[in-house]
Amino acid sequence: MYLDKEKKEEIFGQYGKANTDTGSAESQIALFTYRIAHLTEHVKANHKDFVTTRSLTRLVGKRRALLNYLKDRDISRYRAIIKALGLRK
């Protein structure tokens, strides 16, 4: 499986406050970004997989909503996660 418990703990530890910090916006955005990258590669190889394409679109929307929330609440945290994940240049 591409996303096991150890990988999640690594992502949460790197972008959250601790390995068990699963609820912060930063850790969720990082997890969504990892999943989006994986699904993007899958869709490139399987262009007729419309269910995965729809799931990918929904996941991008969820990440965008979290980024907008973070931008409205705390611009410094927003800028930090954008820079850390390399979402914008």
PDB file of N, CA and C in Angstrom:
ATOM      1  N   MET A   1       0.841  -1.175   0.000  1.00  0.00           N
ATOM      2  CA  MET A   1       0.000   0.000   0.000  1.00  0.00           C
ATOM      3  C   MET A   1       0.888   1.241   0.000  1.00  0.00           C
ATOM      4  N   TYR A   2       0.506   2.220  -0.751  1.00  0.00           N
ATOM      5  CA  TYR A   2       1.355   3.393  -0.913  1.00  0.00           C
ATOM      6  C   TYR A   2       1.349   4.306   0.305  1.00  0.00           C
ATOM      7  N   LEU A   3       0.326   4.234   1.136  1.00  0.00           N
ATOM      8  CA  LEU A   3       0.215   5.131   2.286  1.00  0.00           C
ATOM      9  C   LEU A   3      -0.066   4.305   3.541  1.00  0.00           C
ATOM     10  N   ASP A   4       1.003   3.822   4.165  1.00  0.00           N
ATOM     11  CA  ASP A   4       0.838   3.021   5.368  1.00  0.00           C
ATOM     12  C   ASP A   4       1.022   3.893   6.610  1.00  0.00           C
ATOM     13  N   LYS A   5       0.930   3.267   7.771  1.00  0.00           N
ATOM     14  CA  LYS A   5       0.982   3.997   9.035  1.00  0.00           C
ATOM     15  C   LYS A   5       2.299   4.746   9.219  1.00  0.00           C
ATOM     16  N   GLU A   6       3.393   4.120   8.840  1.00  0.00           N
ATOM     17  CA  GLU A   6       4.710   4.753   9.001  1.00  0.00           C
ATOM     18  C   GLU A   6       4.844   5.997   8.125  1.00  0.00           C
ATOM     19  N   LYS A   7       4.330   5.911   6.895  1.00  0.00           N
ATOM     20  CA  LYS A   7       4.412   7.055   5.989  1.00  0.00           C
ATOM     21  C   LYS A   7       3.575   8.221   6.515  1.00  0.00           C
ATOM     22  N   LYS A   8       2.380   7.914   7.054  1.00  0.00           N
ATOM     23  CA  LYS A   8       1.538   8.963   7.627  1.00  0.00           C
ATOM     24  C   LYS A   8       2.237   9.621   8.812  1.00  0.00           C
ATOM     25  N   GLU A   9       2.830   8.811   9.685  1.00  0.00           N
ATOM     26  CA  GLU A   9       3.537   9.360  10.840  1.00  0.00           C
ATOM     27  C   GLU A   9       4.707  10.234  10.407  1.00  0.00           C
ATOM     28  N   GLU A  10       5.382   9.832   9.335  1.00  0.00           N
ATOM     29  CA  GLU A  10       6.481  10.635   8.803  1.00  0.00           C
ATOM     30  C   GLU A  10       5.980  11.988   8.307  1.00  0.00           C
ATOM     31  N   ILE A  11       4.883  11.979   7.569  1.00  0.00           N
ATOM     32  CA  ILE A  11       4.311  13.227   7.044  1.00  0.00           C
ATOM     33  C   ILE A  11       3.842  14.114   8.194  1.00  0.00           C
ATOM     34  N   PHE A  12       3.131  13.528   9.162  1.00  0.00           N
ATOM     35  CA  PHE A  12       2.628  14.307  10.288  1.00  0.00           C
ATOM     36  C   PHE A  12       3.772  14.832  11.147  1.00  0.00           C
ATOM     37  N   GLY A  13       4.811  14.046  11.308  1.00  0.00           N
ATOM     38  CA  GLY A  13       5.967  14.487  12.086  1.00  0.00           C
ATOM     39  C   GLY A  13       6.724  15.614  11.405  1.00  0.00           C
ATOM     40  N   GLN A  14       6.781  15.579  10.094  1.00  0.00           N
ATOM     41  CA  GLN A  14       7.523  16.588   9.350  1.00  0.00           C
ATOM     42  C   GLN A  14       6.769  17.914   9.270  1.00  0.00           C
ATOM     43  N   TYR A  15       5.462  17.865   9.075  1.00  0.00           N
ATOM     44  CA  TYR A  15       4.698  19.091   8.854  1.00  0.00           C
ATOM     45  C   TYR A  15       3.802  19.483  10.021  1.00  0.00           C
ATOM     46  N   GLY A  16       3.510  18.557  10.932  1.00  0.00           N
ATOM     47  CA  GLY A  16       2.698  18.878  12.098  1.00  0.00           C
ATOM     48  C   GLY A  16       3.568  19.182  13.295  1.00  0.00           C
ATOM     49  N   LYS A  17       2.939  19.270  14.448  1.00  0.00           N
ATOM     50  CA  LYS A  17       3.679  19.545  15.671  1.00  0.00           C
ATOM     51  C   LYS A  17       4.300  18.272  16.253  1.00  0.00           C
ATOM     52  N   ALA A  18       3.705  17.116  15.950  1.00  0.00           N
ATOM     53  CA  ALA A  18       4.207  15.831  16.441  1.00  0.00           C
ATOM     54  C   ALA A  18       3.759  14.734  15.479  1.00  0.00           C
ATOM     55  N   ASN A  19       4.244  13.514  15.719  1.00  0.00           N
ATOM     56  CA  ASN A  19       3.854  12.390  14.856  1.00  0.00           C
ATOM     57  C   ASN A  19       2.367  12.080  14.960  1.00  0.00           C
ATOM     58  N   THR A  20       1.760  12.454  16.076  1.00  0.00           N
ATOM     59  CA  THR A  20       0.338  12.160  16.277  1.00  0.00           C
ATOM     60  C   THR A  20      -0.544  13.362  15.970  1.00  0.00           C
ATOM     61  N   ASP A  21       0.024  14.437  15.452  1.00  0.00           N
ATOM     62  CA  ASP A  21      -0.743  15.645  15.132  1.00  0.00           C
ATOM     63  C   ASP A  21      -1.424  15.462  13.780  1.00  0.00           C
ATOM     64  N   THR A  22      -2.573  14.798  13.809  1.00  0.00           N
ATOM     65  CA  THR A  22      -3.259  14.489  12.560  1.00  0.00           C
ATOM     66  C   THR A  22      -4.307  15.518  12.178  1.00  0.00           C
ATOM     67  N   GLY A  23      -4.629  16.428  13.077  1.00  0.00           N
ATOM     68  CA  GLY A  23      -5.742  17.333  12.830  1.00  0.00           C
ATOM     69  C   GLY A  23      -5.368  18.723  12.379  1.00  0.00           C
ATOM     70  N   SER A  24      -4.108  19.097  12.489  1.00  0.00           N
ATOM     71  CA  SER A  24      -3.749  20.468  12.114  1.00  0.00           C
ATOM     72  C   SER A  24      -3.876  20.644  10.603  1.00  0.00           C
ATOM     73  N   ALA A  25      -4.128  21.865  10.212  1.00  0.00           N
ATOM     74  CA  ALA A  25      -4.308  22.160   8.793  1.00  0.00           C
ATOM     75  C   ALA A  25      -3.041  21.852   8.006  1.00  0.00           C
ATOM     76  N   GLU A  26      -1.883  22.143   8.582  1.00  0.00           N
ATOM     77  CA  GLU A  26      -0.621  21.899   7.886  1.00  0.00           C
ATOM     78  C   GLU A  26      -0.407  20.421   7.595  1.00  0.00           C
ATOM     79  N   SER A  27      -0.683  19.574   8.597  1.00  0.00           N
ATOM     80  CA  SER A  27      -0.468  18.142   8.387  1.00  0.00           C
ATOM     81  C   SER A  27      -1.480  17.573   7.399  1.00  0.00           C
ATOM     82  N   GLN A  28      -2.727  18.063   7.433  1.00  0.00           N
ATOM     83  CA  GLN A  28      -3.722  17.594   6.476  1.00  0.00           C
ATOM     84  C   GLN A  28      -3.375  18.029   5.055  1.00  0.00           C
ATOM     85  N   ILE A  29      -2.906  19.255   4.899  1.00  0.00           N
ATOM     86  CA  ILE A  29      -2.509  19.746   3.578  1.00  0.00           C
ATOM     87  C   ILE A  29      -1.343  18.924   3.044  1.00  0.00           C
ATOM     88  N   ALA A  30      -0.395  18.597   3.909  1.00  0.00           N
ATOM     89  CA  ALA A  30       0.749  17.783   3.487  1.00  0.00           C
ATOM     90  C   ALA A  30       0.308  16.383   3.075  1.00  0.00           C
ATOM     91  N   LEU A  31      -0.608  15.805   3.831  1.00  0.00           N
ATOM     92  CA  LEU A  31      -1.125  14.476   3.487  1.00  0.00           C
ATOM     93  C   LEU A  31      -1.882  14.521   2.163  1.00  0.00           C
ATOM     94  N   PHE A  32      -2.720  15.535   1.969  1.00  0.00           N
ATOM     95  CA  PHE A  32      -3.446  15.680   0.710  1.00  0.00           C
ATOM     96  C   PHE A  32      -2.485  15.848  -0.456  1.00  0.00           C
ATOM     97  N   THR A  33      -1.423  16.608  -0.263  1.00  0.00           N
ATOM     98  CA  THR A  33      -0.442  16.830  -1.324  1.00  0.00           C
ATOM     99  C   THR A  33       0.233  15.526  -1.711  1.00  0.00           C
ATOM    100  N   TYR A  34       0.575  14.703  -0.729  1.00  0.00           N
ATOM    101  CA  TYR A  34       1.187  13.402  -1.007  1.00  0.00           C
ATOM    102  C   TYR A  34       0.221  12.520  -1.791  1.00  0.00           C
ATOM    103  N   ARG A  35      -1.039  12.482  -1.365  1.00  0.00           N
ATOM    104  CA  ARG A  35      -2.033  11.668  -2.057  1.00  0.00           C
ATOM    105  C   ARG A  35      -2.303  12.183  -3.463  1.00  0.00           C
ATOM    106  N   ILE A  36      -2.329  13.500  -3.634  1.00  0.00           N
ATOM    107  CA  ILE A  36      -2.560  14.095  -4.957  1.00  0.00           C
ATOM    108  C   ILE A  36      -1.432  13.710  -5.907  1.00  0.00           C
ATOM    109  N   ALA A  37      -0.202  13.752  -5.430  1.00  0.00           N
ATOM    110  CA  ALA A  37       0.940  13.374  -6.277  1.00  0.00           C
ATOM    111  C   ALA A  37       0.832  11.910  -6.702  1.00  0.00           C
ATOM    112  N   HIS A  38       0.432  11.043  -5.772  1.00  0.00           N
ATOM    113  CA  HIS A  38       0.299   9.626  -6.104  1.00  0.00           C
ATOM    114  C   HIS A  38      -0.826   9.401  -7.121  1.00  0.00           C
ATOM    115  N   LEU A  39      -1.976  10.030  -6.893  1.00  0.00           N
ATOM    116  CA  LEU A  39      -3.109   9.841  -7.800  1.00  0.00           C
ATOM    117  C   LEU A  39      -2.839  10.449  -9.169  1.00  0.00           C
ATOM    118  N   THR A  40      -2.084  11.525  -9.212  1.00  0.00           N
ATOM    119  CA  THR A  40      -1.738  12.140 -10.493  1.00  0.00           C
ATOM    120  C   THR A  40      -0.932  11.177 -11.352  1.00  0.00           C
ATOM    121  N   GLU A  41       0.024  10.507 -10.745  1.00  0.00           N
ATOM    122  CA  GLU A  41       0.812   9.517 -11.483  1.00  0.00           C
ATOM    123  C   GLU A  41      -0.068   8.366 -11.951  1.00  0.00           C
ATOM    124  N   HIS A  42      -1.007   7.945 -11.119  1.00  0.00           N
ATOM    125  CA  HIS A  42      -1.914   6.861 -11.507  1.00  0.00           C
ATOM    126  C   HIS A  42      -2.780   7.275 -12.700  1.00  0.00           C
ATOM    127  N   VAL A  43      -3.300   8.497 -12.671  1.00  0.00           N
ATOM    128  CA  VAL A  43      -4.170   8.966 -13.757  1.00  0.00           C
ATOM    129  C   VAL A  43      -3.382   9.129 -15.057  1.00  0.00           C
ATOM    130  N   LYS A  44      -2.114   9.519 -14.948  1.00  0.00           N
ATOM    131  CA  LYS A  44      -1.284   9.624 -16.152  1.00  0.00           C
ATOM    132  C   LYS A  44      -1.123   8.272 -16.830  1.00  0.00           C
ATOM    133  N   ALA A  45      -0.990   7.226 -16.037  1.00  0.00           N
ATOM    134  CA  ALA A  45      -0.814   5.888 -16.589  1.00  0.00           C
ATOM    135  C   ALA A  45      -2.142   5.259 -17.005  1.00  0.00           C
ATOM    136  N   ASN A  46      -3.236   5.639 -16.352  1.00  0.00           N
ATOM    137  CA  ASN A  46      -4.556   5.053 -16.612  1.00  0.00           C
ATOM    138  C   ASN A  46      -5.551   6.174 -16.912  1.00  0.00           C
ATOM    139  N   HIS A  47      -5.452   6.730 -18.099  1.00  0.00           N
ATOM    140  CA  HIS A  47      -6.230   7.910 -18.434  1.00  0.00           C
ATOM    141  C   HIS A  47      -7.733   7.671 -18.519  1.00  0.00           C
ATOM    142  N   LYS A  48      -8.180   6.425 -18.588  1.00  0.00           N
ATOM    143  CA  LYS A  48      -9.613   6.137 -18.656  1.00  0.00           C
ATOM    144  C   LYS A  48     -10.219   5.846 -17.282  1.00  0.00           C
ATOM    145  N   ASP A  49      -9.448   5.969 -16.241  1.00  0.00           N
ATOM    146  CA  ASP A  49      -9.928   5.722 -14.887  1.00  0.00           C
ATOM    147  C   ASP A  49     -10.633   6.977 -14.370  1.00  0.00           C
ATOM    148  N   PHE A  50     -11.917   7.064 -14.655  1.00  0.00           N
ATOM    149  CA  PHE A  50     -12.673   8.270 -14.345  1.00  0.00           C
ATOM    150  C   PHE A  50     -12.992   8.392 -12.867  1.00  0.00           C
ATOM    151  N   VAL A  51     -13.096   7.277 -12.157  1.00  0.00           N
ATOM    152  CA  VAL A  51     -13.365   7.326 -10.723  1.00  0.00           C
ATOM    153  C   VAL A  51     -12.180   7.948  -9.988  1.00  0.00           C
ATOM    154  N   THR A  52     -10.982   7.554 -10.355  1.00  0.00           N
ATOM    155  CA  THR A  52      -9.798   8.127  -9.730  1.00  0.00           C
ATOM    156  C   THR A  52      -9.651   9.598 -10.117  1.00  0.00           C
ATOM    157  N   THR A  53      -9.994   9.939 -11.337  1.00  0.00           N
ATOM    158  CA  THR A  53      -9.937  11.343 -11.768  1.00  0.00           C
ATOM    159  C   THR A  53     -10.885  12.192 -10.932  1.00  0.00           C
ATOM    160  N   ARG A  54     -12.067  11.673 -10.685  1.00  0.00           N
ATOM    161  CA  ARG A  54     -13.029  12.398  -9.849  1.00  0.00           C
ATOM    162  C   ARG A  54     -12.519  12.517  -8.418  1.00  0.00           C
ATOM    163  N   SER A  55     -11.956  11.456  -7.891  1.00  0.00           N
ATOM    164  CA  SER A  55     -11.401  11.485  -6.541  1.00  0.00           C
ATOM    165  C   SER A  55     -10.266  12.490  -6.438  1.00  0.00           C
ATOM    166  N   LEU A  56      -9.444  12.545  -7.465  1.00  0.00           N
ATOM    167  CA  LEU A  56      -8.344  13.493  -7.500  1.00  0.00           C
ATOM    168  C   LEU A  56      -8.869  14.930  -7.498  1.00  0.00           C
ATOM    169  N   THR A  57      -9.902  15.186  -8.271  1.00  0.00           N
ATOM    170  CA  THR A  57     -10.493  16.519  -8.325  1.00  0.00           C
ATOM    171  C   THR A  57     -11.067  16.918  -6.970  1.00  0.00           C
ATOM    172  N   ARG A  58     -11.735  15.989  -6.293  1.00  0.00           N
ATOM    173  CA  ARG A  58     -12.293  16.270  -4.973  1.00  0.00           C
ATOM    174  C   ARG A  58     -11.189  16.529  -3.952  1.00  0.00           C
ATOM    175  N   LEU A  59     -10.111  15.788  -4.048  1.00  0.00           N
ATOM    176  CA  LEU A  59      -8.995  15.953  -3.120  1.00  0.00           C
ATOM    177  C   LEU A  59      -8.316  17.304  -3.308  1.00  0.00           C
ATOM    178  N   VAL A  60      -8.174  17.731  -4.542  1.00  0.00           N
ATOM    179  CA  VAL A  60      -7.601  19.054  -4.817  1.00  0.00           C
ATOM    180  C   VAL A  60      -8.508  20.139  -4.240  1.00  0.00           C
ATOM    181  N   GLY A  61      -9.807  19.958  -4.351  1.00  0.00           N
ATOM    182  CA  GLY A  61     -10.750  20.917  -3.782  1.00  0.00           C
ATOM    183  C   GLY A  61     -10.665  20.981  -2.264  1.00  0.00           C
ATOM    184  N   LYS A  62     -10.513  19.840  -1.624  1.00  0.00           N
ATOM    185  CA  LYS A  62     -10.362  19.815  -0.168  1.00  0.00           C
ATOM    186  C   LYS A  62      -9.088  20.529   0.264  1.00  0.00           C
ATOM    187  N   ARG A  63      -8.002  20.278  -0.462  1.00  0.00           N
ATOM    188  CA  ARG A  63      -6.740  20.939  -0.131  1.00  0.00           C
ATOM    189  C   ARG A  63      -6.866  22.440  -0.323  1.00  0.00           C
ATOM    190  N   ARG A  64      -7.519  22.867  -1.414  1.00  0.00           N
ATOM    191  CA  ARG A  64      -7.700  24.293  -1.666  1.00  0.00           C
ATOM    192  C   ARG A  64      -8.522  24.933  -0.555  1.00  0.00           C
ATOM    193  N   ALA A  65      -9.569  24.245  -0.092  1.00  0.00           N
ATOM    194  CA  ALA A  65     -10.404  24.780   0.983  1.00  0.00           C
ATOM    195  C   ALA A  65      -9.593  24.937   2.272  1.00  0.00           C
ATOM    196  N   LEU A  66      -8.752  23.967   2.590  1.00  0.00           N
ATOM    197  CA  LEU A  66      -7.905  24.076   3.779  1.00  0.00           C
ATOM    198  C   LEU A  66      -6.888  25.207   3.632  1.00  0.00           C
ATOM    199  N   LEU A  67      -6.329  25.352   2.445  1.00  0.00           N
ATOM    200  CA  LEU A  67      -5.384  26.444   2.218  1.00  0.00           C
ATOM    201  C   LEU A  67      -6.073  27.802   2.358  1.00  0.00           C
ATOM    202  N   ASN A  68      -7.288  27.927   1.855  1.00  0.00           N
ATOM    203  CA  ASN A  68      -8.036  29.174   1.996  1.00  0.00           C
ATOM    204  C   ASN A  68      -8.348  29.459   3.466  1.00  0.00           C
ATOM    205  N   TYR A  69      -8.719  28.417   4.206  1.00  0.00           N
ATOM    206  CA  TYR A  69      -8.969  28.561   5.640  1.00  0.00           C
ATOM    207  C   TYR A  69      -7.726  29.063   6.351  1.00  0.00           C
ATOM    208  N   LEU A  70      -6.593  28.444   6.061  1.00  0.00           N
ATOM    209  CA  LEU A  70      -5.347  28.826   6.707  1.00  0.00           C
ATOM    210  C   LEU A  70      -4.938  30.241   6.315  1.00  0.00           C
ATOM    211  N   LYS A  71      -5.176  30.606   5.075  1.00  0.00           N
ATOM    212  CA  LYS A  71      -4.834  31.949   4.601  1.00  0.00           C
ATOM    213  C   LYS A  71      -5.662  33.007   5.327  1.00  0.00           C
ATOM    214  N   ASP A  72      -6.939  32.718   5.567  1.00  0.00           N
ATOM    215  CA  ASP A  72      -7.810  33.657   6.268  1.00  0.00           C
ATOM    216  C   ASP A  72      -7.477  33.764   7.758  1.00  0.00           C
ATOM    217  N   ARG A  73      -7.069  32.660   8.367  1.00  0.00           N
ATOM    218  CA  ARG A  73      -6.828  32.629   9.811  1.00  0.00           C
ATOM    219  C   ARG A  73      -5.428  33.085  10.211  1.00  0.00           C
ATOM    220  N   ASP A  74      -4.410  32.586   9.513  1.00  0.00           N
ATOM    221  CA  ASP A  74      -3.031  32.873   9.917  1.00  0.00           C
ATOM    222  C   ASP A  74      -2.134  32.863   8.683  1.00  0.00           C
ATOM    223  N   ILE A  75      -1.856  34.036   8.163  1.00  0.00           N
ATOM    224  CA  ILE A  75      -1.113  34.162   6.908  1.00  0.00           C
ATOM    225  C   ILE A  75       0.312  33.627   7.041  1.00  0.00           C
ATOM    226  N   SER A  76       0.916  33.728   8.215  1.00  0.00           N
ATOM    227  CA  SER A  76       2.288  33.235   8.367  1.00  0.00           C
ATOM    228  C   SER A  76       2.342  31.709   8.270  1.00  0.00           C
ATOM    229  N   ARG A  77       1.368  31.016   8.856  1.00  0.00           N
ATOM    230  CA  ARG A  77       1.311  29.552   8.734  1.00  0.00           C
ATOM    231  C   ARG A  77       1.037  29.151   7.285  1.00  0.00           C
ATOM    232  N   TYR A  78       0.189  29.920   6.604  1.00  0.00           N
ATOM    233  CA  TYR A  78      -0.121  29.666   5.198  1.00  0.00           C
ATOM    234  C   TYR A  78       1.142  29.767   4.347  1.00  0.00           C
ATOM    235  N   ARG A  79       1.889  30.846   4.537  1.00  0.00           N
ATOM    236  CA  ARG A  79       3.115  31.038   3.763  1.00  0.00           C
ATOM    237  C   ARG A  79       4.141  29.954   4.059  1.00  0.00           C
ATOM    238  N   ALA A  80       4.211  29.528   5.329  1.00  0.00           N
ATOM    239  CA  ALA A  80       5.174  28.494   5.712  1.00  0.00           C
ATOM    240  C   ALA A  80       4.852  27.162   5.031  1.00  0.00           C
ATOM    241  N   ILE A  81       3.588  26.770   4.998  1.00  0.00           N
ATOM    242  CA  ILE A  81       3.236  25.474   4.397  1.00  0.00           C
ATOM    243  C   ILE A  81       3.365  25.529   2.880  1.00  0.00           C
ATOM    244  N   ILE A  82       3.048  26.668   2.282  1.00  0.00           N
ATOM    245  CA  ILE A  82       3.218  26.829   0.839  1.00  0.00           C
ATOM    246  C   ILE A  82       4.690  26.665   0.470  1.00  0.00           C
ATOM    247  N   LYS A  83       5.554  27.302   1.246  1.00  0.00           N
ATOM    248  CA  LYS A  83       6.995  27.233   0.986  1.00  0.00           C
ATOM    249  C   LYS A  83       7.529  25.826   1.233  1.00  0.00           C
ATOM    250  N   ALA A  84       7.076  25.194   2.329  1.00  0.00           N
ATOM    251  CA  ALA A  84       7.569  23.863   2.682  1.00  0.00           C
ATOM    252  C   ALA A  84       7.194  22.818   1.644  1.00  0.00           C
ATOM    253  N   LEU A  85       5.984  22.923   1.106  1.00  0.00           N
ATOM    254  CA  LEU A  85       5.514  21.938   0.125  1.00  0.00           C
ATOM    255  C   LEU A  85       5.860  22.322  -1.307  1.00  0.00           C
ATOM    256  N   GLY A  86       6.262  23.563  -1.512  1.00  0.00           N
ATOM    257  CA  GLY A  86       6.595  24.005  -2.851  1.00  0.00           C
ATOM    258  C   GLY A  86       5.397  24.088  -3.770  1.00  0.00           C
ATOM    259  N   LEU A  87       4.275  24.530  -3.233  1.00  0.00           N
ATOM    260  CA  LEU A  87       3.053  24.602  -4.041  1.00  0.00           C
ATOM    261  C   LEU A  87       3.036  25.791  -4.987  1.00  0.00           C
ATOM    262  N   ARG A  88       3.688  26.873  -4.592  1.00  0.00           N
ATOM    263  CA  ARG A  88       3.778  28.047  -5.462  1.00  0.00           C
ATOM    264  C   ARG A  88       5.214  28.510  -5.498  1.00  0.00           C
ATOM    265  N   LYS A  89       5.519  29.275  -6.529  1.00  0.00           N
ATOM    266  CA  LYS A  89       6.889  29.754  -6.664  1.00  0.00           C
ATOM    267  C   LYS A  89       7.007  31.185  -6.240  1.00  0.00           C
TER     268      LYS A  89
END
